[in-house]
Amino acid sequence: MKERIMTTMYQSTAIAGFLLLASAGVVAAQDVIIAPEQETVVREYVKKQPLASVKIPGVELNVGTAIPDTVELHEVPSVKYRYVVVDGRTVLVDPGTRKIVKIIQ
């Protein structure tokens, strides 16, 4: 009986630890903060340098979603992120991971 209790406690601790790590990963993926000045720079640049909107079948536009390598990302001067216009929305992407960091409506 004592072994069963210890096994259950170990499993509960392991599950709790896994859930904690998993949730920390989700939070970290969403912790990118775009300064208002950067967002303004992006908005103004996109207005001056309009791109055709693209469609990316099978990809939901959410922060943390990876943009396929087949989609060309465009540089914004003085901003570390790249952008693409998808379904009429400007999407900021981390060029290293190709993950969406911000969707500008």
N, C-alpha and C. Protein backbone atom coordinates (compact mmCIF):
# COMPACT_ATOMS: atom_id res chain seq x y z
N MET A 1 0.83 -1.19 0.00
CA MET A 1 0.00 0.00 0.00
C MET A 1 0.88 1.25 0.00
N LYS A 2 1.95 1.23 0.81
CA LYS A 2 2.84 2.38 0.89
C LYS A 2 3.48 2.66 -0.48
N GLU A 3 3.87 1.59 -1.21
CA GLU A 3 4.47 1.75 -2.54
C GLU A 3 3.48 2.39 -3.50
N ARG A 4 2.23 2.00 -3.40
CA ARG A 4 1.19 2.54 -4.28
C ARG A 4 1.00 4.04 -4.04
N ILE A 5 1.01 4.45 -2.79
CA ILE A 5 0.86 5.87 -2.46
C ILE A 5 2.06 6.65 -2.98
N MET A 6 3.26 6.10 -2.80
CA MET A 6 4.47 6.78 -3.27
C MET A 6 4.46 6.90 -4.80
N THR A 7 4.03 5.85 -5.50
CA THR A 7 3.96 5.88 -6.96
C THR A 7 2.97 6.93 -7.42
N THR A 8 1.81 6.99 -6.76
CA THR A 8 0.80 7.98 -7.11
C THR A 8 1.31 9.39 -6.86
N MET A 9 2.01 9.59 -5.74
CA MET A 9 2.57 10.91 -5.44
C MET A 9 3.60 11.31 -6.49
N TYR A 10 4.45 10.35 -6.88
CA TYR A 10 5.47 10.62 -7.88
C TYR A 10 4.83 11.01 -9.21
N GLN A 11 3.81 10.24 -9.61
CA GLN A 11 3.13 10.52 -10.88
C GLN A 11 2.46 11.89 -10.84
N SER A 12 1.83 12.22 -9.73
CA SER A 12 1.17 13.52 -9.60
C SER A 12 2.18 14.65 -9.69
N THR A 13 3.33 14.47 -9.04
CA THR A 13 4.37 15.48 -9.07
C THR A 13 4.92 15.64 -10.49
N ALA A 14 5.13 14.52 -11.16
CA ALA A 14 5.65 14.55 -12.53
C ALA A 14 4.67 15.25 -13.47
N ILE A 15 3.40 14.94 -13.32
CA ILE A 15 2.37 15.57 -14.17
C ILE A 15 2.30 17.06 -13.89
N ALA A 16 2.32 17.44 -12.62
CA ALA A 16 2.28 18.86 -12.26
C ALA A 16 3.48 19.60 -12.84
N GLY A 17 4.65 18.97 -12.76
CA GLY A 17 5.86 19.59 -13.31
C GLY A 17 5.77 19.76 -14.82
N PHE A 18 5.26 18.74 -15.49
CA PHE A 18 5.09 18.81 -16.94
C PHE A 18 4.12 19.94 -17.32
N LEU A 19 2.99 20.01 -16.62
CA LEU A 19 2.01 21.06 -16.91
C LEU A 19 2.58 22.45 -16.66
N LEU A 20 3.38 22.58 -15.62
CA LEU A 20 4.01 23.87 -15.33
C LEU A 20 4.96 24.27 -16.46
N LEU A 21 5.78 23.33 -16.91
CA LEU A 21 6.70 23.63 -18.01
C LEU A 21 5.95 23.93 -19.30
N ALA A 22 4.91 23.17 -19.57
CA ALA A 22 4.13 23.38 -20.79
C ALA A 22 3.48 24.76 -20.78
N SER A 23 2.92 25.14 -19.65
CA SER A 23 2.27 26.45 -19.59
C SER A 23 3.30 27.57 -19.66
N ALA A 24 4.48 27.36 -19.13
CA ALA A 24 5.53 28.38 -19.20
C ALA A 24 5.94 28.60 -20.65
N GLY A 25 5.97 27.53 -21.44
CA GLY A 25 6.29 27.66 -22.86
C GLY A 25 5.25 28.48 -23.60
N VAL A 26 4.00 28.28 -23.28
CA VAL A 26 2.92 29.04 -23.91
C VAL A 26 3.04 30.51 -23.54
N VAL A 27 3.28 30.78 -22.28
CA VAL A 27 3.41 32.17 -21.84
C VAL A 27 4.61 32.82 -22.52
N ALA A 28 5.73 32.10 -22.58
CA ALA A 28 6.93 32.66 -23.20
C ALA A 28 6.69 32.98 -24.67
N ALA A 29 5.93 32.14 -25.37
CA ALA A 29 5.65 32.37 -26.77
C ALA A 29 4.81 33.62 -26.97
N GLN A 30 4.04 34.00 -25.98
CA GLN A 30 3.15 35.14 -26.11
C GLN A 30 3.69 36.38 -25.41
N ASP A 31 4.89 36.32 -24.87
CA ASP A 31 5.44 37.43 -24.10
C ASP A 31 6.19 38.46 -24.94
N VAL A 32 6.12 38.38 -26.25
CA VAL A 32 6.80 39.35 -27.09
C VAL A 32 6.03 40.66 -26.98
N ILE A 33 6.74 41.71 -26.65
CA ILE A 33 6.10 43.01 -26.50
C ILE A 33 6.61 43.92 -27.61
N ILE A 34 5.68 44.42 -28.39
CA ILE A 34 6.01 45.37 -29.44
C ILE A 34 5.75 46.76 -28.88
N ALA A 35 6.78 47.57 -28.80
CA ALA A 35 6.62 48.93 -28.29
C ALA A 35 5.70 49.72 -29.21
N PRO A 36 4.90 50.61 -28.65
CA PRO A 36 3.99 51.42 -29.48
C PRO A 36 4.73 52.15 -30.61
N GLU A 37 5.96 52.61 -30.31
CA GLU A 37 6.73 53.30 -31.35
C GLU A 37 7.04 52.37 -32.52
N GLN A 38 7.39 51.10 -32.19
CA GLN A 38 7.68 50.13 -33.24
C GLN A 38 6.44 49.86 -34.08
N GLU A 39 5.30 49.71 -33.41
CA GLU A 39 4.06 49.45 -34.14
C GLU A 39 3.73 50.62 -35.07
N THR A 40 3.97 51.84 -34.60
CA THR A 40 3.73 53.03 -35.43
C THR A 40 4.65 53.02 -36.64
N VAL A 41 5.93 52.69 -36.43
CA VAL A 41 6.89 52.61 -37.53
C VAL A 41 6.41 51.60 -38.56
N VAL A 42 5.97 50.44 -38.10
CA VAL A 42 5.50 49.39 -39.01
C VAL A 42 4.28 49.87 -39.78
N ARG A 43 3.29 50.41 -39.08
CA ARG A 43 2.06 50.90 -39.75
C ARG A 43 2.39 51.92 -40.84
N GLU A 44 3.24 52.89 -40.52
CA GLU A 44 3.59 53.93 -41.49
C GLU A 44 4.36 53.35 -42.68
N TYR A 45 5.27 52.43 -42.39
CA TYR A 45 6.06 51.82 -43.46
C TYR A 45 5.17 51.01 -44.40
N VAL A 46 4.25 50.24 -43.82
CA VAL A 46 3.36 49.39 -44.63
C VAL A 46 2.46 50.27 -45.52
N LYS A 47 2.03 51.41 -45.01
CA LYS A 47 1.21 52.33 -45.82
C LYS A 47 2.01 52.87 -47.01
N LYS A 48 3.30 53.16 -46.78
CA LYS A 48 4.14 53.72 -47.84
C LYS A 48 4.64 52.66 -48.81
N GLN A 49 4.76 51.43 -48.34
CA GLN A 49 5.29 50.32 -49.14
C GLN A 49 4.25 49.19 -49.20
N PRO A 50 3.11 49.43 -49.81
CA PRO A 50 2.04 48.42 -49.77
C PRO A 50 2.44 47.12 -50.48
N LEU A 51 2.03 46.03 -49.88
CA LEU A 51 2.26 44.70 -50.46
C LEU A 51 0.92 44.08 -50.82
N ALA A 52 0.95 43.20 -51.78
CA ALA A 52 -0.26 42.44 -52.08
C ALA A 52 -0.51 41.47 -50.93
N SER A 53 -1.76 41.30 -50.58
CA SER A 53 -2.12 40.36 -49.52
C SER A 53 -1.99 38.94 -50.05
N VAL A 54 -1.49 38.05 -49.21
CA VAL A 54 -1.37 36.64 -49.60
C VAL A 54 -2.31 35.79 -48.76
N LYS A 55 -2.59 34.61 -49.26
CA LYS A 55 -3.37 33.63 -48.50
C LYS A 55 -2.42 32.49 -48.16
N ILE A 56 -2.55 31.97 -46.96
CA ILE A 56 -1.73 30.84 -46.54
C ILE A 56 -2.68 29.72 -46.13
N PRO A 57 -3.03 28.84 -47.06
CA PRO A 57 -3.98 27.76 -46.74
C PRO A 57 -3.49 26.89 -45.60
N GLY A 58 -4.39 26.58 -44.68
CA GLY A 58 -4.08 25.67 -43.58
C GLY A 58 -3.37 26.31 -42.40
N VAL A 59 -3.14 27.62 -42.46
CA VAL A 59 -2.45 28.30 -41.36
C VAL A 59 -3.42 29.28 -40.70
N GLU A 60 -3.61 29.12 -39.39
CA GLU A 60 -4.44 30.05 -38.64
C GLU A 60 -3.55 31.19 -38.15
N LEU A 61 -4.03 32.40 -38.32
CA LEU A 61 -3.24 33.56 -37.89
C LEU A 61 -3.43 33.79 -36.40
N ASN A 62 -2.47 33.31 -35.63
CA ASN A 62 -2.45 33.49 -34.18
C ASN A 62 -1.02 33.78 -33.76
N VAL A 63 -0.86 34.54 -32.70
CA VAL A 63 0.48 34.77 -32.14
C VAL A 63 1.07 33.41 -31.78
N GLY A 64 2.30 33.17 -32.23
CA GLY A 64 2.97 31.91 -31.95
C GLY A 64 2.92 30.92 -33.11
N THR A 65 2.04 31.15 -34.07
CA THR A 65 1.94 30.27 -35.24
C THR A 65 3.13 30.53 -36.17
N ALA A 66 3.71 29.47 -36.70
CA ALA A 66 4.84 29.61 -37.62
C ALA A 66 4.33 29.85 -39.04
N ILE A 67 4.98 30.77 -39.73
CA ILE A 67 4.67 31.06 -41.12
C ILE A 67 5.58 30.17 -41.98
N PRO A 68 5.03 29.48 -42.98
CA PRO A 68 5.84 28.57 -43.80
C PRO A 68 7.00 29.29 -44.50
N ASP A 69 8.06 28.53 -44.78
CA ASP A 69 9.24 29.07 -45.46
C ASP A 69 8.93 29.57 -46.87
N THR A 70 7.84 29.10 -47.44
CA THR A 70 7.47 29.50 -48.80
C THR A 70 6.92 30.92 -48.87
N VAL A 71 6.62 31.51 -47.71
CA VAL A 71 6.07 32.86 -47.66
C VAL A 71 7.21 33.85 -47.47
N GLU A 72 7.30 34.83 -48.36
CA GLU A 72 8.37 35.83 -48.28
C GLU A 72 8.06 36.85 -47.18
N LEU A 73 9.04 37.05 -46.30
CA LEU A 73 8.92 38.05 -45.24
C LEU A 73 9.65 39.31 -45.68
N HIS A 74 9.10 40.46 -45.35
CA HIS A 74 9.66 41.74 -45.79
C HIS A 74 10.20 42.53 -44.60
N GLU A 75 11.31 43.20 -44.84
CA GLU A 75 12.00 43.96 -43.80
C GLU A 75 11.35 45.32 -43.58
N VAL A 76 11.36 45.74 -42.32
CA VAL A 76 10.96 47.10 -41.95
C VAL A 76 12.21 47.74 -41.35
N PRO A 77 12.68 48.87 -41.90
CA PRO A 77 13.88 49.50 -41.35
C PRO A 77 13.72 49.82 -39.85
N SER A 78 14.76 49.57 -39.11
CA SER A 78 14.83 49.88 -37.67
C SER A 78 13.94 49.01 -36.80
N VAL A 79 13.43 47.92 -37.33
CA VAL A 79 12.60 46.99 -36.55
C VAL A 79 13.17 45.60 -36.76
N LYS A 80 13.33 44.84 -35.68
CA LYS A 80 13.96 43.52 -35.82
C LYS A 80 13.03 42.47 -36.43
N TYR A 81 11.74 42.75 -36.46
CA TYR A 81 10.79 41.79 -37.02
C TYR A 81 10.57 42.05 -38.50
N ARG A 82 10.07 41.04 -39.19
CA ARG A 82 9.70 41.15 -40.60
C ARG A 82 8.18 41.15 -40.67
N TYR A 83 7.66 41.48 -41.85
CA TYR A 83 6.21 41.47 -41.98
C TYR A 83 5.75 40.86 -43.29
N VAL A 84 4.50 40.47 -43.30
CA VAL A 84 3.81 39.98 -44.48
C VAL A 84 2.35 40.37 -44.30
N VAL A 85 1.66 40.60 -45.40
CA VAL A 85 0.23 40.92 -45.32
C VAL A 85 -0.53 39.65 -45.70
N VAL A 86 -1.30 39.15 -44.74
CA VAL A 86 -2.06 37.91 -44.94
C VAL A 86 -3.54 38.23 -44.74
N ASP A 87 -4.34 37.90 -45.75
CA ASP A 87 -5.79 38.15 -45.68
C ASP A 87 -6.09 39.59 -45.27
N GLY A 88 -5.30 40.53 -45.77
CA GLY A 88 -5.53 41.94 -45.50
C GLY A 88 -5.03 42.43 -44.15
N ARG A 89 -4.37 41.57 -43.39
CA ARG A 89 -3.85 41.96 -42.08
C ARG A 89 -2.33 41.94 -42.09
N THR A 90 -1.73 42.95 -41.49
CA THR A 90 -0.27 43.01 -41.39
C THR A 90 0.17 42.11 -40.24
N VAL A 91 1.07 41.19 -40.55
CA VAL A 91 1.51 40.20 -39.58
C VAL A 91 3.01 40.39 -39.34
N LEU A 92 3.39 40.65 -38.08
CA LEU A 92 4.81 40.76 -37.72
C LEU A 92 5.33 39.38 -37.35
N VAL A 93 6.50 39.06 -37.88
CA VAL A 93 7.06 37.72 -37.72
C VAL A 93 8.50 37.81 -37.23
N ASP A 94 8.86 36.95 -36.29
CA ASP A 94 10.25 36.83 -35.85
C ASP A 94 10.99 36.09 -36.96
N PRO A 95 11.98 36.72 -37.61
CA PRO A 95 12.65 36.07 -38.73
C PRO A 95 13.45 34.83 -38.35
N GLY A 96 13.86 34.73 -37.11
CA GLY A 96 14.63 33.57 -36.67
C GLY A 96 13.78 32.32 -36.52
N THR A 97 12.58 32.49 -36.01
CA THR A 97 11.69 31.34 -35.77
C THR A 97 10.55 31.28 -36.77
N ARG A 98 10.31 32.39 -37.47
CA ARG A 98 9.19 32.55 -38.41
C ARG A 98 7.84 32.48 -37.70
N LYS A 99 7.85 32.71 -36.40
CA LYS A 99 6.60 32.71 -35.64
C LYS A 99 6.00 34.11 -35.59
N ILE A 100 4.68 34.15 -35.63
CA ILE A 100 3.95 35.41 -35.55
C ILE A 100 4.11 35.99 -34.16
N VAL A 101 4.50 37.27 -34.09
CA VAL A 101 4.64 37.93 -32.79
C VAL A 101 3.55 38.98 -32.58
N LYS A 102 2.93 39.45 -33.67
CA LYS A 102 1.88 40.46 -33.55
C LYS A 102 1.08 40.50 -34.84
N ILE A 103 -0.23 40.66 -34.70
CA ILE A 103 -1.10 40.85 -35.85
C ILE A 103 -1.67 42.26 -35.73
N ILE A 104 -1.39 43.08 -36.73
CA ILE A 104 -1.86 44.46 -36.72
C ILE A 104 -3.07 44.54 -37.63
N GLN A 105 -4.18 44.93 -37.07
CA GLN A 105 -5.44 44.98 -37.83
C GLN A 105 -5.46 46.16 -38.76
